[in-house]
Amino acid sequence: MKKILFAVAIIAITQLAVAQNTNELANKIAQAYGLSNFSKASNLSFTFNVSRENNTTSRSWYWDITTNTVTMKTAKEAVTYKRDTITTAAMKSVDQRFINDQYWLLFPYHLVWDAGTTITTKENVEAPISKKMMTMLTIQYNNVDGYTPGDAYDLFVDANNVVTEWNFRKGGAATPSLSTTWMDNKTFKGIVIPMDHTTADEKFRLFFTDVSVN
């Protein structure tokens, strides 16, 4: 089985209600996706799906936010662990997958949650898929500990502070490793989730199902 995309830089998700980054556009994007409602959530569940050339892999998550306890279910295994007590390589491997999938789900919030990043903005940049001229916000993970420090993300933002597509640049490389759309925004208890991310050639699609917030 191919690895499902990338594992982002941060291991620990701490102080989720505290803004670490004060960039004005980053905050506007996070608020457009319902950041102020996240503090009301006690648990979140979702299924993360990736399709490549008609082959789909999936894994489901239940995240008890109040205790930071995570359960992963796949066709082959079910694992529950607490994120502040990871003691084995196997648990670290599961946590790496959780971080990857949860970042795709809630990336706008990490624009303000995550410390150790550099954020820049630029006007009138051609978006990679639509080719429209848009505002581009770039977040670079620099001074962080985690699975893949140094990664960068270019978010292309419309006039309503909504992301329409993005680049992932592994290790901060100049050439994107992946560019996808952000589509099919749905709202769950005030939390806005972009449900679908697809490449221009449609050979890669990442999408969410079974999303629930309580």
N, C-alpha and C. Protein backbone atom coordinates (compact mmCIF):
# COMPACT_ATOMS: atom_id res chain seq x y z
N MET A 1 0.84 -1.20 0.00
CA MET A 1 0.00 0.00 0.00
C MET A 1 0.88 1.26 0.00
N LYS A 2 0.55 2.18 -0.83
CA LYS A 2 1.31 3.42 -0.86
C LYS A 2 1.03 4.26 0.37
N LYS A 3 2.04 5.00 0.77
CA LYS A 3 1.87 5.91 1.90
C LYS A 3 0.85 6.98 1.53
N ILE A 4 -0.04 7.30 2.46
CA ILE A 4 -1.05 8.32 2.20
C ILE A 4 -0.45 9.70 2.43
N LEU A 5 0.08 10.26 1.38
CA LEU A 5 0.54 11.63 1.31
C LEU A 5 1.60 11.97 2.32
N PHE A 6 1.43 13.07 3.06
CA PHE A 6 2.53 13.57 3.87
C PHE A 6 2.17 13.59 5.33
N ALA A 7 3.20 13.56 6.15
CA ALA A 7 3.01 13.76 7.59
C ALA A 7 3.54 15.12 7.94
N VAL A 8 2.72 15.97 8.51
CA VAL A 8 3.12 17.33 8.76
C VAL A 8 4.02 17.43 9.97
N ALA A 9 4.47 18.64 10.23
CA ALA A 9 5.62 18.83 11.09
C ALA A 9 5.36 18.65 12.58
N ILE A 10 4.18 18.97 13.06
CA ILE A 10 4.02 19.06 14.50
C ILE A 10 3.57 17.75 15.10
N ILE A 11 4.22 17.28 16.17
CA ILE A 11 3.78 16.10 16.88
C ILE A 11 2.69 16.46 17.87
N ALA A 12 2.94 17.42 18.70
CA ALA A 12 2.00 17.74 19.78
C ALA A 12 1.01 18.80 19.34
N ILE A 13 -0.27 18.54 19.60
CA ILE A 13 -1.28 19.56 19.39
C ILE A 13 -1.67 20.05 20.78
N THR A 14 -1.15 21.18 21.17
CA THR A 14 -1.37 21.69 22.51
C THR A 14 -1.93 23.09 22.45
N GLN A 15 -2.59 23.49 23.52
CA GLN A 15 -3.14 24.83 23.64
C GLN A 15 -3.96 25.19 22.40
N LEU A 16 -4.90 24.30 22.04
CA LEU A 16 -5.61 24.47 20.79
C LEU A 16 -6.44 25.74 20.75
N ALA A 17 -6.85 26.23 21.90
CA ALA A 17 -7.69 27.43 21.92
C ALA A 17 -6.86 28.71 21.94
N VAL A 18 -5.53 28.57 21.97
CA VAL A 18 -4.66 29.74 22.09
C VAL A 18 -4.02 30.05 20.74
N ALA A 19 -4.21 31.26 20.27
CA ALA A 19 -3.59 31.66 19.01
C ALA A 19 -2.10 31.85 19.20
N GLN A 20 -1.29 31.15 18.40
CA GLN A 20 0.16 31.30 18.45
C GLN A 20 0.63 32.30 17.40
N ASN A 21 -0.11 32.43 16.33
CA ASN A 21 0.30 33.28 15.23
C ASN A 21 -0.70 34.42 15.06
N THR A 22 -0.19 35.62 14.93
CA THR A 22 -1.06 36.79 14.88
C THR A 22 -1.15 37.40 13.47
N ASN A 23 -0.70 36.67 12.45
CA ASN A 23 -0.82 37.17 11.09
C ASN A 23 -2.29 37.45 10.78
N GLU A 24 -2.58 38.64 10.26
CA GLU A 24 -3.97 39.07 10.08
C GLU A 24 -4.73 38.17 9.12
N LEU A 25 -4.14 37.84 7.96
CA LEU A 25 -4.85 37.01 7.00
C LEU A 25 -5.02 35.59 7.54
N ALA A 26 -4.01 35.07 8.23
CA ALA A 26 -4.12 33.73 8.81
C ALA A 26 -5.30 33.67 9.77
N ASN A 27 -5.46 34.68 10.59
CA ASN A 27 -6.58 34.72 11.52
C ASN A 27 -7.92 34.83 10.80
N LYS A 28 -7.97 35.61 9.74
CA LYS A 28 -9.21 35.74 8.98
C LYS A 28 -9.60 34.40 8.34
N ILE A 29 -8.62 33.67 7.83
CA ILE A 29 -8.90 32.36 7.23
C ILE A 29 -9.42 31.41 8.30
N ALA A 30 -8.73 31.35 9.43
CA ALA A 30 -9.14 30.45 10.51
C ALA A 30 -10.56 30.76 10.97
N GLN A 31 -10.88 32.04 11.08
CA GLN A 31 -12.23 32.42 11.51
C GLN A 31 -13.26 32.10 10.44
N ALA A 32 -12.89 32.22 9.17
CA ALA A 32 -13.81 31.87 8.09
C ALA A 32 -14.20 30.40 8.13
N TYR A 33 -13.30 29.58 8.69
CA TYR A 33 -13.57 28.14 8.81
C TYR A 33 -14.11 27.76 10.19
N GLY A 34 -14.47 28.77 11.00
CA GLY A 34 -15.18 28.49 12.24
C GLY A 34 -14.32 28.23 13.45
N LEU A 35 -13.13 28.81 13.49
CA LEU A 35 -12.22 28.57 14.61
C LEU A 35 -12.86 28.85 15.96
N SER A 36 -13.65 29.90 16.06
CA SER A 36 -14.23 30.28 17.34
C SER A 36 -15.18 29.21 17.88
N ASN A 37 -15.63 28.31 17.02
CA ASN A 37 -16.53 27.25 17.46
C ASN A 37 -15.81 25.99 17.91
N PHE A 38 -14.52 25.89 17.63
CA PHE A 38 -13.81 24.66 17.96
C PHE A 38 -13.73 24.43 19.46
N SER A 39 -13.63 25.49 20.24
CA SER A 39 -13.53 25.33 21.69
C SER A 39 -14.79 24.70 22.30
N LYS A 40 -15.88 24.69 21.55
CA LYS A 40 -17.13 24.09 22.03
C LYS A 40 -17.18 22.59 21.76
N ALA A 41 -16.27 22.09 20.96
CA ALA A 41 -16.30 20.69 20.57
C ALA A 41 -15.63 19.82 21.63
N SER A 42 -16.27 18.70 21.97
CA SER A 42 -15.68 17.75 22.92
C SER A 42 -15.10 16.53 22.21
N ASN A 43 -15.64 16.19 21.04
CA ASN A 43 -15.07 15.09 20.27
C ASN A 43 -15.35 15.28 18.79
N LEU A 44 -14.54 14.63 17.98
CA LEU A 44 -14.61 14.78 16.54
C LEU A 44 -14.29 13.43 15.91
N SER A 45 -15.07 13.02 14.94
CA SER A 45 -14.79 11.78 14.22
C SER A 45 -14.88 12.02 12.72
N PHE A 46 -14.09 11.24 11.98
CA PHE A 46 -14.07 11.39 10.53
C PHE A 46 -13.38 10.19 9.91
N THR A 47 -13.66 9.97 8.62
CA THR A 47 -12.95 8.97 7.83
C THR A 47 -12.16 9.68 6.75
N PHE A 48 -10.90 9.36 6.68
CA PHE A 48 -9.93 9.95 5.75
C PHE A 48 -9.75 8.96 4.59
N ASN A 49 -10.01 9.44 3.37
CA ASN A 49 -9.97 8.56 2.19
C ASN A 49 -9.03 9.15 1.14
N VAL A 50 -8.24 8.30 0.52
CA VAL A 50 -7.39 8.72 -0.59
C VAL A 50 -7.59 7.77 -1.76
N SER A 51 -7.88 8.33 -2.93
CA SER A 51 -8.06 7.55 -4.15
C SER A 51 -6.94 7.87 -5.14
N ARG A 52 -6.30 6.83 -5.61
CA ARG A 52 -5.30 6.95 -6.66
C ARG A 52 -5.61 5.93 -7.74
N GLU A 53 -5.97 6.42 -8.92
CA GLU A 53 -6.21 5.54 -10.07
C GLU A 53 -7.16 4.39 -9.70
N ASN A 54 -8.30 4.77 -9.14
CA ASN A 54 -9.39 3.85 -8.80
C ASN A 54 -9.08 2.92 -7.63
N ASN A 55 -7.99 3.18 -6.91
CA ASN A 55 -7.68 2.41 -5.71
C ASN A 55 -7.84 3.34 -4.51
N THR A 56 -8.78 3.02 -3.60
CA THR A 56 -9.07 3.89 -2.46
C THR A 56 -8.65 3.21 -1.16
N THR A 57 -7.93 3.96 -0.32
CA THR A 57 -7.57 3.51 1.02
C THR A 57 -8.24 4.45 2.01
N SER A 58 -8.62 3.91 3.17
CA SER A 58 -9.37 4.69 4.16
C SER A 58 -8.93 4.34 5.57
N ARG A 59 -9.07 5.29 6.46
CA ARG A 59 -8.94 5.02 7.89
C ARG A 59 -9.85 5.99 8.63
N SER A 60 -10.43 5.50 9.72
CA SER A 60 -11.40 6.28 10.48
C SER A 60 -10.81 6.66 11.83
N TRP A 61 -11.22 7.85 12.31
CA TRP A 61 -10.68 8.40 13.54
C TRP A 61 -11.80 8.86 14.46
N TYR A 62 -11.58 8.65 15.75
CA TYR A 62 -12.39 9.27 16.78
C TYR A 62 -11.44 9.97 17.73
N TRP A 63 -11.62 11.28 17.88
CA TRP A 63 -10.73 12.10 18.71
C TRP A 63 -11.53 12.68 19.86
N ASP A 64 -11.24 12.20 21.07
CA ASP A 64 -11.80 12.80 22.27
C ASP A 64 -10.93 14.00 22.61
N ILE A 65 -11.41 15.17 22.26
CA ILE A 65 -10.60 16.38 22.39
C ILE A 65 -10.34 16.71 23.85
N THR A 66 -11.30 16.44 24.71
CA THR A 66 -11.16 16.82 26.13
C THR A 66 -10.05 16.03 26.83
N THR A 67 -9.83 14.78 26.43
CA THR A 67 -8.77 13.97 27.03
C THR A 67 -7.60 13.73 26.10
N ASN A 68 -7.71 14.22 24.85
CA ASN A 68 -6.69 14.02 23.82
C ASN A 68 -6.43 12.53 23.59
N THR A 69 -7.51 11.76 23.60
CA THR A 69 -7.45 10.33 23.31
C THR A 69 -7.94 10.08 21.89
N VAL A 70 -7.21 9.24 21.17
CA VAL A 70 -7.47 9.01 19.75
C VAL A 70 -7.70 7.53 19.49
N THR A 71 -8.69 7.21 18.67
CA THR A 71 -8.90 5.85 18.20
C THR A 71 -8.83 5.83 16.68
N MET A 72 -8.01 4.94 16.14
CA MET A 72 -7.92 4.73 14.70
C MET A 72 -8.49 3.37 14.35
N LYS A 73 -9.29 3.31 13.29
CA LYS A 73 -9.81 2.04 12.79
C LYS A 73 -9.53 1.95 11.29
N THR A 74 -8.97 0.83 10.89
CA THR A 74 -8.79 0.52 9.47
C THR A 74 -9.37 -0.86 9.22
N ALA A 75 -9.24 -1.34 7.99
CA ALA A 75 -9.74 -2.68 7.68
C ALA A 75 -8.96 -3.75 8.42
N LYS A 76 -7.74 -3.41 8.90
CA LYS A 76 -6.86 -4.41 9.49
C LYS A 76 -6.64 -4.24 10.99
N GLU A 77 -6.93 -3.06 11.55
CA GLU A 77 -6.60 -2.86 12.95
C GLU A 77 -7.46 -1.77 13.58
N ALA A 78 -7.47 -1.79 14.92
CA ALA A 78 -8.11 -0.74 15.70
C ALA A 78 -7.19 -0.44 16.88
N VAL A 79 -6.86 0.83 17.05
CA VAL A 79 -5.89 1.25 18.06
C VAL A 79 -6.43 2.46 18.80
N THR A 80 -6.31 2.47 20.13
CA THR A 80 -6.66 3.63 20.94
C THR A 80 -5.45 4.02 21.78
N TYR A 81 -5.16 5.31 21.84
CA TYR A 81 -4.01 5.77 22.62
C TYR A 81 -4.24 7.21 23.08
N LYS A 82 -3.50 7.64 24.08
CA LYS A 82 -3.51 9.03 24.52
C LYS A 82 -2.30 9.73 23.93
N ARG A 83 -2.52 10.89 23.37
CA ARG A 83 -1.47 11.56 22.63
C ARG A 83 -0.35 12.08 23.53
N ASP A 84 -0.60 12.25 24.82
CA ASP A 84 0.46 12.74 25.71
C ASP A 84 1.23 11.60 26.38
N THR A 85 0.93 10.35 26.01
CA THR A 85 1.63 9.21 26.59
C THR A 85 2.03 8.21 25.51
N ILE A 86 2.64 8.70 24.45
CA ILE A 86 3.13 7.82 23.38
C ILE A 86 4.45 7.21 23.83
N THR A 87 4.48 5.87 23.93
CA THR A 87 5.65 5.20 24.49
C THR A 87 6.32 4.21 23.56
N THR A 88 5.68 3.90 22.43
CA THR A 88 6.23 2.88 21.54
C THR A 88 6.32 3.41 20.11
N ALA A 89 7.16 2.75 19.32
CA ALA A 89 7.28 3.11 17.91
C ALA A 89 5.97 2.89 17.17
N ALA A 90 5.25 1.85 17.57
CA ALA A 90 3.96 1.56 16.92
C ALA A 90 2.97 2.68 17.17
N MET A 91 2.92 3.17 18.41
CA MET A 91 2.01 4.28 18.72
C MET A 91 2.44 5.55 17.99
N LYS A 92 3.73 5.76 17.88
CA LYS A 92 4.23 6.93 17.15
C LYS A 92 3.81 6.87 15.69
N SER A 93 3.84 5.66 15.12
CA SER A 93 3.43 5.49 13.73
C SER A 93 1.96 5.83 13.54
N VAL A 94 1.12 5.39 14.49
CA VAL A 94 -0.31 5.72 14.42
C VAL A 94 -0.51 7.22 14.59
N ASP A 95 0.22 7.80 15.52
CA ASP A 95 0.09 9.24 15.76
C ASP A 95 0.51 10.04 14.55
N GLN A 96 1.51 9.58 13.85
CA GLN A 96 1.94 10.26 12.63
C GLN A 96 0.80 10.29 11.61
N ARG A 97 0.08 9.19 11.49
CA ARG A 97 -1.06 9.15 10.57
C ARG A 97 -2.18 10.07 11.05
N PHE A 98 -2.42 10.09 12.36
CA PHE A 98 -3.45 10.99 12.89
C PHE A 98 -3.12 12.45 12.60
N ILE A 99 -1.87 12.83 12.84
CA ILE A 99 -1.46 14.21 12.59
C ILE A 99 -1.67 14.56 11.12
N ASN A 100 -1.22 13.69 10.22
CA ASN A 100 -1.40 13.93 8.79
C ASN A 100 -2.87 14.17 8.45
N ASP A 101 -3.73 13.28 8.91
CA ASP A 101 -5.13 13.32 8.52
C ASP A 101 -5.87 14.48 9.17
N GLN A 102 -5.54 14.74 10.43
CA GLN A 102 -6.18 15.84 11.14
C GLN A 102 -5.75 17.20 10.59
N TYR A 103 -4.51 17.30 10.10
CA TYR A 103 -4.09 18.55 9.47
C TYR A 103 -4.87 18.82 8.19
N TRP A 104 -5.08 17.79 7.39
CA TRP A 104 -5.91 17.98 6.20
C TRP A 104 -7.31 18.44 6.59
N LEU A 105 -7.83 17.91 7.67
CA LEU A 105 -9.19 18.23 8.10
C LEU A 105 -9.29 19.66 8.62
N LEU A 106 -8.31 20.08 9.41
CA LEU A 106 -8.41 21.34 10.17
C LEU A 106 -7.27 22.31 9.87
N PHE A 107 -6.68 22.22 8.70
CA PHE A 107 -5.49 23.02 8.44
C PHE A 107 -5.67 24.52 8.68
N PRO A 108 -6.81 25.13 8.34
CA PRO A 108 -6.94 26.57 8.59
C PRO A 108 -6.70 26.96 10.04
N TYR A 109 -7.06 26.10 10.98
CA TYR A 109 -6.86 26.40 12.39
C TYR A 109 -5.37 26.38 12.76
N HIS A 110 -4.63 25.51 12.11
CA HIS A 110 -3.20 25.41 12.42
C HIS A 110 -2.43 26.65 11.97
N LEU A 111 -3.02 27.44 11.10
CA LEU A 111 -2.38 28.70 10.74
C LEU A 111 -2.17 29.60 11.95
N VAL A 112 -3.07 29.48 12.94
CA VAL A 112 -2.93 30.30 14.15
C VAL A 112 -2.54 29.48 15.37
N TRP A 113 -2.80 28.17 15.36
CA TRP A 113 -2.43 27.34 16.50
C TRP A 113 -0.92 27.11 16.61
N ASP A 114 -0.25 26.92 15.47
CA ASP A 114 1.10 26.38 15.49
C ASP A 114 2.16 27.45 15.71
N ALA A 115 3.02 27.21 16.68
CA ALA A 115 4.18 28.07 16.91
C ALA A 115 5.34 27.60 16.02
N GLY A 116 6.37 28.42 15.91
CA GLY A 116 7.56 28.03 15.17
C GLY A 116 7.40 28.07 13.67
N THR A 117 6.45 28.86 13.19
CA THR A 117 6.23 28.97 11.75
C THR A 117 6.50 30.39 11.27
N THR A 118 6.71 30.51 9.98
CA THR A 118 6.82 31.81 9.32
C THR A 118 5.69 31.92 8.30
N ILE A 119 4.92 33.00 8.37
CA ILE A 119 3.81 33.21 7.43
C ILE A 119 4.06 34.47 6.62
N THR A 120 3.92 34.35 5.32
CA THR A 120 4.03 35.49 4.42
C THR A 120 2.82 35.51 3.49
N THR A 121 2.51 36.67 2.96
CA THR A 121 1.41 36.79 2.00
C THR A 121 1.88 37.55 0.77
N LYS A 122 1.24 37.26 -0.35
CA LYS A 122 1.58 37.92 -1.61
C LYS A 122 0.33 38.05 -2.45
N GLU A 123 0.13 39.20 -3.05
CA GLU A 123 -1.05 39.45 -3.87
C GLU A 123 -0.79 39.06 -5.33
N ASN A 124 -1.89 38.78 -6.01
CA ASN A 124 -1.86 38.56 -7.47
C ASN A 124 -0.87 37.47 -7.88
N VAL A 125 -1.06 36.30 -7.31
CA VAL A 125 -0.26 35.13 -7.66
C VAL A 125 -1.16 34.15 -8.40
N GLU A 126 -0.65 33.54 -9.46
CA GLU A 126 -1.44 32.59 -10.23
C GLU A 126 -1.62 31.29 -9.46
N ALA A 127 -2.85 30.89 -9.23
CA ALA A 127 -3.14 29.64 -8.53
C ALA A 127 -2.77 28.46 -9.42
N PRO A 128 -2.31 27.35 -8.82
CA PRO A 128 -1.75 26.26 -9.62
C PRO A 128 -2.75 25.50 -10.47
N ILE A 129 -4.02 25.45 -10.09
CA ILE A 129 -5.00 24.65 -10.82
C ILE A 129 -5.94 25.52 -11.64
N SER A 130 -6.60 26.48 -10.99
CA SER A 130 -7.55 27.33 -11.72
C SER A 130 -6.86 28.37 -12.60
N LYS A 131 -5.60 28.68 -12.27
CA LYS A 131 -4.81 29.71 -12.96
C LYS A 131 -5.36 31.12 -12.73
N LYS A 132 -6.24 31.26 -11.74
CA LYS A 132 -6.73 32.58 -11.38
C LYS A 132 -5.67 33.34 -10.58
N MET A 133 -5.71 34.67 -10.66
CA MET A 133 -4.81 35.49 -9.87
C MET A 133 -5.44 35.68 -8.49
N MET A 134 -4.74 35.26 -7.46
CA MET A 134 -5.31 35.25 -6.12
C MET A 134 -4.28 35.71 -5.09
N THR A 135 -4.76 35.91 -3.87
CA THR A 135 -3.86 36.14 -2.75
C THR A 135 -3.29 34.81 -2.30
N MET A 136 -1.97 34.77 -2.10
CA MET A 136 -1.32 33.55 -1.65
C MET A 136 -0.75 33.75 -0.25
N LEU A 137 -1.13 32.89 0.67
CA LEU A 137 -0.53 32.85 2.00
C LEU A 137 0.37 31.63 2.08
N THR A 138 1.61 31.84 2.48
CA THR A 138 2.56 30.74 2.62
C THR A 138 2.92 30.56 4.08
N ILE A 139 2.82 29.32 4.56
CA ILE A 139 3.26 28.99 5.92
C ILE A 139 4.42 28.01 5.81
N GLN A 140 5.52 28.35 6.46
CA GLN A 140 6.72 27.51 6.47
C GLN A 140 6.97 27.05 7.89
N TYR A 141 7.14 25.72 8.04
CA TYR A 141 7.44 25.15 9.36
C TYR A 141 8.95 25.12 9.54
N ASN A 142 9.44 26.05 10.35
CA ASN A 142 10.87 26.20 10.52
C ASN A 142 11.36 25.64 11.85
N ASN A 143 11.15 26.40 12.92
CA ASN A 143 11.69 26.04 14.22
C ASN A 143 10.72 25.15 14.98
N VAL A 144 10.56 23.93 14.48
CA VAL A 144 9.61 23.01 15.09
C VAL A 144 10.25 21.64 15.24
N ASP A 145 9.77 20.89 16.22
CA ASP A 145 10.13 19.49 16.36
C ASP A 145 8.97 18.67 15.80
N GLY A 146 9.28 17.61 15.10
CA GLY A 146 8.19 16.80 14.58
C GLY A 146 8.63 15.85 13.51
N TYR A 147 7.67 15.37 12.74
CA TYR A 147 7.94 14.32 11.78
C TYR A 147 8.64 14.83 10.52
N THR A 148 8.24 15.97 10.01
CA THR A 148 8.83 16.47 8.77
C THR A 148 9.02 17.99 8.84
N PRO A 149 9.91 18.47 9.70
CA PRO A 149 10.11 19.92 9.78
C PRO A 149 10.65 20.47 8.47
N GLY A 150 10.31 21.73 8.19
CA GLY A 150 10.78 22.39 6.98
C GLY A 150 9.77 22.44 5.87
N ASP A 151 8.66 21.71 6.00
CA ASP A 151 7.65 21.72 4.94
C ASP A 151 6.99 23.09 4.82
N ALA A 152 6.48 23.38 3.63
CA ALA A 152 5.81 24.66 3.37
C ALA A 152 4.52 24.41 2.61
N TYR A 153 3.57 25.32 2.80
CA TYR A 153 2.25 25.22 2.18
C TYR A 153 1.86 26.59 1.65
N ASP A 154 1.42 26.64 0.39
CA ASP A 154 0.93 27.86 -0.23
C ASP A 154 -0.58 27.75 -0.35
N LEU A 155 -1.31 28.61 0.32
CA LEU A 155 -2.77 28.60 0.29
C LEU A 155 -3.26 29.75 -0.59
N PHE A 156 -4.14 29.45 -1.53
CA PHE A 156 -4.67 30.46 -2.44
C PHE A 156 -6.08 30.81 -1.98
N VAL A 157 -6.29 32.10 -1.68
CA VAL A 157 -7.42 32.55 -0.88
C VAL A 157 -8.27 33.52 -1.68
N ASP A 158 -9.60 33.35 -1.60
CA ASP A 158 -10.49 34.26 -2.31
C ASP A 158 -10.85 35.47 -1.45
N ALA A 159 -11.75 36.30 -1.95
CA ALA A 159 -12.09 37.55 -1.26
C ALA A 159 -12.82 37.32 0.05
N ASN A 160 -13.35 36.13 0.25
CA ASN A 160 -14.05 35.79 1.50
C ASN A 160 -13.15 35.06 2.50
N ASN A 161 -11.84 35.07 2.23
CA ASN A 161 -10.85 34.41 3.10
C ASN A 161 -11.03 32.90 3.11
N VAL A 162 -11.55 32.37 2.02
CA VAL A 162 -11.74 30.93 1.86
C VAL A 162 -10.66 30.39 0.93
N VAL A 163 -10.05 29.28 1.31
CA VAL A 163 -9.00 28.66 0.50
C VAL A 163 -9.66 27.86 -0.63
N THR A 164 -9.17 28.03 -1.85
CA THR A 164 -9.73 27.31 -2.99
C THR A 164 -8.79 26.24 -3.53
N GLU A 165 -7.50 26.37 -3.28
CA GLU A 165 -6.51 25.37 -3.66
C GLU A 165 -5.21 25.64 -2.92
N TRP A 166 -4.29 24.67 -2.98
CA TRP A 166 -3.02 24.89 -2.29
C TRP A 166 -1.91 24.05 -2.89
N ASN A 167 -0.67 24.44 -2.54
CA ASN A 167 0.52 23.65 -2.84
C ASN A 167 1.07 23.08 -1.54
N PHE A 168 1.53 21.85 -1.58
CA PHE A 168 2.37 21.30 -0.52
C PHE A 168 3.78 21.21 -1.08
N ARG A 169 4.76 21.81 -0.36
CA ARG A 169 6.15 21.80 -0.82
C ARG A 169 7.00 21.10 0.25
N LYS A 170 7.33 19.86 0.00
CA LYS A 170 8.08 19.06 0.96
C LYS A 170 9.45 19.66 1.22
N GLY A 171 9.76 19.85 2.50
CA GLY A 171 11.05 20.42 2.87
C GLY A 171 11.25 21.85 2.44
N GLY A 172 10.16 22.51 2.04
CA GLY A 172 10.27 23.89 1.58
C GLY A 172 10.82 24.04 0.18
N ALA A 173 10.79 22.96 -0.61
CA ALA A 173 11.32 23.01 -1.98
C ALA A 173 10.57 24.04 -2.81
N ALA A 174 11.25 24.56 -3.82
CA ALA A 174 10.63 25.57 -4.68
C ALA A 174 9.50 24.99 -5.51
N THR A 175 9.62 23.74 -5.94
CA THR A 175 8.61 23.09 -6.76
C THR A 175 7.63 22.32 -5.89
N PRO A 176 6.34 22.53 -6.07
CA PRO A 176 5.35 21.82 -5.25
C PRO A 176 5.44 20.30 -5.42
N SER A 177 5.28 19.60 -4.30
CA SER A 177 5.19 18.15 -4.34
C SER A 177 3.77 17.71 -4.71
N LEU A 178 2.81 18.57 -4.39
CA LEU A 178 1.41 18.26 -4.65
C LEU A 178 0.62 19.56 -4.67
N SER A 179 -0.32 19.67 -5.61
CA SER A 179 -1.26 20.80 -5.66
C SER A 179 -2.66 20.22 -5.79
N THR A 180 -3.57 20.67 -4.92
CA THR A 180 -4.95 20.18 -4.98
C THR A 180 -5.94 21.32 -4.78
N THR A 181 -7.17 21.02 -5.13
CA THR A 181 -8.28 21.93 -4.84
C THR A 181 -8.68 21.81 -3.38
N TRP A 182 -9.44 22.78 -2.90
CA TRP A 182 -10.20 22.71 -1.64
C TRP A 182 -11.66 22.92 -2.03
N MET A 183 -12.47 21.87 -1.93
CA MET A 183 -13.84 21.96 -2.44
C MET A 183 -14.83 21.37 -1.45
N ASP A 184 -16.10 21.63 -1.73
CA ASP A 184 -17.23 21.01 -1.02
C ASP A 184 -17.17 21.31 0.48
N ASN A 185 -17.13 22.60 0.82
CA ASN A 185 -17.11 22.98 2.23
C ASN A 185 -18.44 22.65 2.90
N LYS A 186 -18.37 21.95 4.03
CA LYS A 186 -19.56 21.63 4.81
C LYS A 186 -19.34 22.04 6.26
N THR A 187 -20.43 22.40 6.94
CA THR A 187 -20.34 22.93 8.30
C THR A 187 -20.90 21.93 9.29
N PHE A 188 -20.12 21.68 10.33
CA PHE A 188 -20.50 20.75 11.40
C PHE A 188 -20.38 21.48 12.74
N LYS A 189 -21.53 21.85 13.32
CA LYS A 189 -21.56 22.58 14.59
C LYS A 189 -20.68 23.84 14.53
N GLY A 190 -20.74 24.51 13.38
CA GLY A 190 -19.99 25.75 13.19
C GLY A 190 -18.56 25.56 12.71
N ILE A 191 -18.11 24.32 12.60
CA ILE A 191 -16.75 24.02 12.11
C ILE A 191 -16.84 23.68 10.64
N VAL A 192 -16.15 24.44 9.81
CA VAL A 192 -16.23 24.28 8.36
C VAL A 192 -15.11 23.37 7.88
N ILE A 193 -15.49 22.32 7.16
CA ILE A 193 -14.53 21.34 6.68
C ILE A 193 -14.53 21.31 5.15
N PRO A 194 -13.37 21.51 4.50
CA PRO A 194 -13.29 21.27 3.05
C PRO A 194 -13.23 19.77 2.82
N MET A 195 -14.27 19.22 2.23
CA MET A 195 -14.44 17.76 2.18
C MET A 195 -13.66 17.09 1.05
N ASP A 196 -13.20 17.86 0.07
CA ASP A 196 -12.65 17.24 -1.13
C ASP A 196 -11.42 18.00 -1.61
N HIS A 197 -10.35 17.25 -1.90
CA HIS A 197 -9.11 17.81 -2.43
C HIS A 197 -8.67 16.94 -3.62
N THR A 198 -8.59 17.54 -4.80
CA THR A 198 -8.32 16.77 -6.02
C THR A 198 -7.26 17.48 -6.85
N THR A 199 -6.37 16.71 -7.47
CA THR A 199 -5.36 17.28 -8.35
C THR A 199 -5.99 17.66 -9.69
N ALA A 200 -5.25 18.45 -10.46
CA ALA A 200 -5.77 18.94 -11.74
C ALA A 200 -6.07 17.80 -12.70
N ASP A 201 -5.26 16.73 -12.68
CA ASP A 201 -5.49 15.60 -13.59
C ASP A 201 -6.47 14.58 -13.02
N GLU A 202 -6.96 14.83 -11.79
CA GLU A 202 -7.94 13.98 -11.11
C GLU A 202 -7.43 12.56 -10.86
N LYS A 203 -6.12 12.36 -10.91
CA LYS A 203 -5.56 11.04 -10.60
C LYS A 203 -5.40 10.83 -9.10
N PHE A 204 -5.45 11.92 -8.37
CA PHE A 204 -5.35 11.85 -6.91
C PHE A 204 -6.53 12.62 -6.32
N ARG A 205 -7.21 11.97 -5.38
CA ARG A 205 -8.31 12.62 -4.68
C ARG A 205 -8.25 12.24 -3.21
N LEU A 206 -8.28 13.23 -2.34
CA LEU A 206 -8.36 13.03 -0.90
C LEU A 206 -9.68 13.61 -0.44
N PHE A 207 -10.47 12.81 0.30
CA PHE A 207 -11.79 13.29 0.69
C PHE A 207 -12.19 12.70 2.04
N PHE A 208 -13.14 13.38 2.69
CA PHE A 208 -13.61 12.97 4.01
C PHE A 208 -15.05 12.47 3.93
N THR A 209 -15.33 11.47 4.75
CA THR A 209 -16.70 11.00 4.95
C THR A 209 -16.93 10.80 6.43
N ASP A 210 -18.17 10.60 6.81
CA ASP A 210 -18.54 10.27 8.19
C ASP A 210 -18.03 11.30 9.20
N VAL A 211 -18.05 12.56 8.83
CA VAL A 211 -17.60 13.61 9.75
C VAL A 211 -18.69 13.89 10.79
N SER A 212 -18.30 13.98 12.05
CA SER A 212 -19.23 14.29 13.12
C SER A 212 -18.51 15.09 14.19
N VAL A 213 -19.19 16.12 14.70
CA VAL A 213 -18.63 16.95 15.76
C VAL A 213 -19.65 17.03 16.88
N ASN A 214 -19.20 16.82 18.11
CA ASN A 214 -20.08 16.92 19.29
C ASN A 214 -19.41 17.75 20.37
